[in-house]
Every structure is written in structure tokens, then in C-alpha cells.
Amino acid sequence: MTDIACALEHAAPFRDDDECMKWRRYPSPPDRRGRIETFAEAYGLSTARSLVDEVIRAQYENMERVRRLAELGVPRPARWVARGFLDELQSRANWSEHHRHLLE
């Protein structure tokens, strides 16, 4: 489920409309709910009901993993944290939680 959640975070995508159109080149805001349902169907899942929760859970787990690795001194995550990447990860998770209505 973690692999599905990580893929779905980018496929829906779980990002704000401005980022989707400017950086991901969507011509208009994506139909995230429709994309999530299509994704679930393509993976043979019986429902898309819990997928939003799974993506949000995976976002927080990823943030904690990056933080932990940086604290252990792993070079790449340590550089990411020094550059403020944890703030970006937190912002993504916050967006997902506050925009559930676009996703469910």
C-alpha cells in the first residue's frame, strides 16, 4: 500500500493547482478525484475509499524518514534538511489534509 500511496501522490497529484499548472504543465487544475478512481481501478483495487488517508500517512512517514536519516548524518537527507526540504514536505502534507474535498 505504501508503494501505491507514493505513486498516487504524484499521479493525482496531491499538489496545489498552481504547481500542477506551472511546474507539472497541466492545462487546467486536474480532476484529482477522477484520477484517483482511475488509478485504483487500474491497480485492481475494489475501492479508492482509503487511498487519500494512505497518501497522507505516507507523506508524514516520508517526512519522518528524511528527518531521521538527517539526524543520523546520512549526507543526502542531511543536505535536504539543511536546505529546508522538511518544510516542503510538511507543506505538501498540510495541503493534502486541507484539500481532501478535491481528493475524495
C-alpha atoms as a PDB file:
ATOM      1  CA  MET A   1       0.000   0.000   0.000  1.00  0.00           C
ATOM      2  CA  THR A   2       2.919   2.353   0.662  1.00  0.00           C
ATOM      3  CA  ASP A   3       4.134   1.982  -2.940  1.00  0.00           C
ATOM      4  CA  ILE A   4       0.618   2.692  -4.229  1.00  0.00           C
ATOM      5  CA  ALA A   5       0.312   5.739  -1.958  1.00  0.00           C
ATOM      6  CA  CYS A   6       3.673   7.132  -3.087  1.00  0.00           C
ATOM      7  CA  ALA A   7       2.810   6.649  -6.760  1.00  0.00           C
ATOM      8  CA  LEU A   8      -0.649   8.113  -6.302  1.00  0.00           C
ATOM      9  CA  GLU A   9       0.745  11.211  -4.578  1.00  0.00           C
ATOM     10  CA  HIS A  10       2.368  12.125  -7.890  1.00  0.00           C
ATOM     11  CA  ALA A  11      -0.294  10.696 -10.223  1.00  0.00           C
ATOM     12  CA  ALA A  12      -3.312  12.525  -8.773  1.00  0.00           C
ATOM     13  CA  PRO A  13      -1.326  14.779  -7.956  1.00  0.00           C
ATOM     14  CA  PHE A  14      -1.521  15.786  -4.311  1.00  0.00           C
ATOM     15  CA  ARG A  15      -0.293  19.318  -5.100  1.00  0.00           C
ATOM     16  CA  ASP A  16      -1.929  22.720  -5.368  1.00  0.00           C
ATOM     17  CA  ASP A  17      -3.401  23.932  -8.660  1.00  0.00           C
ATOM     18  CA  ASP A  18      -0.653  26.494  -9.281  1.00  0.00           C
ATOM     19  CA  GLU A  19       2.066  23.865  -9.037  1.00  0.00           C
ATOM     20  CA  CYS A  20       0.103  21.476 -11.232  1.00  0.00           C
ATOM     21  CA  MET A  21      -0.273  24.037 -13.987  1.00  0.00           C
ATOM     22  CA  LYS A  22       3.075  25.828 -13.734  1.00  0.00           C
ATOM     23  CA  TRP A  23       5.520  23.064 -12.867  1.00  0.00           C
ATOM     24  CA  ARG A  24       3.700  19.940 -13.972  1.00  0.00           C
ATOM     25  CA  ARG A  25       2.287  21.520 -17.130  1.00  0.00           C
ATOM     26  CA  TYR A  26      -1.384  20.650 -16.605  1.00  0.00           C
ATOM     27  CA  PRO A  27      -3.515  22.860 -18.874  1.00  0.00           C
ATOM     28  CA  SER A  28      -6.041  23.324 -16.030  1.00  0.00           C
ATOM     29  CA  PRO A  29      -6.451  22.031 -12.467  1.00  0.00           C
ATOM     30  CA  PRO A  30      -6.541  18.223 -12.597  1.00  0.00           C
ATOM     31  CA  ASP A  31      -9.590  16.120 -11.752  1.00  0.00           C
ATOM     32  CA  ARG A  32      -7.823  14.551  -8.800  1.00  0.00           C
ATOM     33  CA  ARG A  33     -10.812  12.513  -7.650  1.00  0.00           C
ATOM     34  CA  GLY A  34     -11.239  11.048 -11.130  1.00  0.00           C
ATOM     35  CA  ARG A  35      -7.534  10.325 -11.414  1.00  0.00           C
ATOM     36  CA  ILE A  36      -7.570   8.554  -8.025  1.00  0.00           C
ATOM     37  CA  GLU A  37     -10.530   6.405  -9.092  1.00  0.00           C
ATOM     38  CA  THR A  38      -8.875   5.550 -12.416  1.00  0.00           C
ATOM     39  CA  PHE A  39      -5.636   4.698 -10.616  1.00  0.00           C
ATOM     40  CA  ALA A  40      -7.478   2.413  -8.154  1.00  0.00           C
ATOM     41  CA  GLU A  41      -9.321   0.670 -10.959  1.00  0.00           C
ATOM     42  CA  ALA A  42      -6.120   0.166 -12.969  1.00  0.00           C
ATOM     43  CA  TYR A  43      -4.470  -1.418  -9.932  1.00  0.00           C
ATOM     44  CA  GLY A  44      -7.433  -3.727  -9.441  1.00  0.00           C
ATOM     45  CA  LEU A  45      -8.410  -2.189  -6.115  1.00  0.00           C
ATOM     46  CA  SER A  46     -12.037  -2.696  -5.133  1.00  0.00           C
ATOM     47  CA  THR A  47     -12.341   0.858  -3.801  1.00  0.00           C
ATOM     48  CA  ALA A  48     -10.487   4.157  -3.712  1.00  0.00           C
ATOM     49  CA  ARG A  49     -12.016   4.973  -0.324  1.00  0.00           C
ATOM     50  CA  SER A  50      -8.916   4.710   1.896  1.00  0.00           C
ATOM     51  CA  LEU A  51      -6.361   5.901  -0.639  1.00  0.00           C
ATOM     52  CA  VAL A  52      -6.362   9.564   0.418  1.00  0.00           C
ATOM     53  CA  ASP A  53      -5.654   8.523   4.007  1.00  0.00           C
ATOM     54  CA  GLU A  54      -2.884   6.235   2.782  1.00  0.00           C
ATOM     55  CA  VAL A  55      -1.237   9.020   0.780  1.00  0.00           C
ATOM     56  CA  ILE A  56      -1.361  11.422   3.727  1.00  0.00           C
ATOM     57  CA  ARG A  57       0.069   8.720   6.013  1.00  0.00           C
ATOM     58  CA  ALA A  58       2.863   8.080   3.508  1.00  0.00           C
ATOM     59  CA  GLN A  59       3.608  11.810   3.280  1.00  0.00           C
ATOM     60  CA  TYR A  60       4.114  12.013   7.046  1.00  0.00           C
ATOM     61  CA  GLU A  61       6.138   8.785   7.106  1.00  0.00           C
ATOM     62  CA  ASN A  62       8.412  10.136   4.372  1.00  0.00           C
ATOM     63  CA  MET A  63       8.904  13.366   6.301  1.00  0.00           C
ATOM     64  CA  GLU A  64       9.848  11.424   9.429  1.00  0.00           C
ATOM     65  CA  ARG A  65      12.195   9.143   7.449  1.00  0.00           C
ATOM     66  CA  VAL A  66      14.045  12.134   5.951  1.00  0.00           C
ATOM     67  CA  ARG A  67      14.294  13.764   9.390  1.00  0.00           C
ATOM     68  CA  ARG A  68      15.608  10.559  10.990  1.00  0.00           C
ATOM     69  CA  LEU A  69      18.203   9.945   8.279  1.00  0.00           C
ATOM     70  CA  ALA A  70      19.404  13.546   8.508  1.00  0.00           C
ATOM     71  CA  GLU A  71      19.772  13.213  12.280  1.00  0.00           C
ATOM     72  CA  LEU A  72      21.847  10.083  11.706  1.00  0.00           C
ATOM     73  CA  GLY A  73      24.124  12.114   9.436  1.00  0.00           C
ATOM     74  CA  VAL A  74      23.254  10.457   6.134  1.00  0.00           C
ATOM     75  CA  PRO A  75      24.677  13.007   3.672  1.00  0.00           C
ATOM     76  CA  ARG A  76      21.893  13.469   1.119  1.00  0.00           C
ATOM     77  CA  PRO A  77      18.980  13.731   3.606  1.00  0.00           C
ATOM     78  CA  ALA A  78      21.153  15.970   5.803  1.00  0.00           C
ATOM     79  CA  ARG A  79      21.621  18.340   2.840  1.00  0.00           C
ATOM     80  CA  TRP A  80      17.898  18.253   2.078  1.00  0.00           C
ATOM     81  CA  VAL A  81      17.046  19.154   5.654  1.00  0.00           C
ATOM     82  CA  ALA A  82      19.646  21.934   5.680  1.00  0.00           C
ATOM     83  CA  ARG A  83      18.007  23.364   2.533  1.00  0.00           C
ATOM     84  CA  GLY A  84      14.538  23.352   4.110  1.00  0.00           C
ATOM     85  CA  PHE A  85      13.103  20.249   2.446  1.00  0.00           C
ATOM     86  CA  LEU A  86      11.224  19.265   5.613  1.00  0.00           C
ATOM     87  CA  ASP A  87       9.219  22.483   5.293  1.00  0.00           C
ATOM     88  CA  GLU A  88       8.264  21.498   1.747  1.00  0.00           C
ATOM     89  CA  LEU A  89       7.234  18.003   2.857  1.00  0.00           C
ATOM     90  CA  GLN A  90       5.174  19.483   5.706  1.00  0.00           C
ATOM     91  CA  SER A  91       3.531  21.891   3.267  1.00  0.00           C
ATOM     92  CA  ARG A  92       2.562  19.006   0.964  1.00  0.00           C
ATOM     93  CA  ALA A  93       1.005  17.039   3.815  1.00  0.00           C
ATOM     94  CA  ASN A  94      -0.833  20.138   5.054  1.00  0.00           C
ATOM     95  CA  TRP A  95      -2.181  20.781   1.557  1.00  0.00           C
ATOM     96  CA  SER A  96      -3.425  17.191   1.312  1.00  0.00           C
ATOM     97  CA  GLU A  97      -5.199  17.380   4.660  1.00  0.00           C
ATOM     98  CA  HIS A  98      -6.786  20.762   3.963  1.00  0.00           C
ATOM     99  CA  HIS A  99      -7.900  19.862   0.425  1.00  0.00           C
ATOM    100  CA  ARG A 100      -9.458  16.467   0.996  1.00  0.00           C
ATOM    101  CA  HIS A 101     -12.599  17.760  -0.723  1.00  0.00           C
ATOM    102  CA  LEU A 102     -10.660  17.769  -4.010  1.00  0.00           C
ATOM    103  CA  LEU A 103      -9.462  14.219  -3.471  1.00  0.00           C
ATOM    104  CA  GLU A 104     -12.347  12.221  -2.004  1.00  0.00           C
END
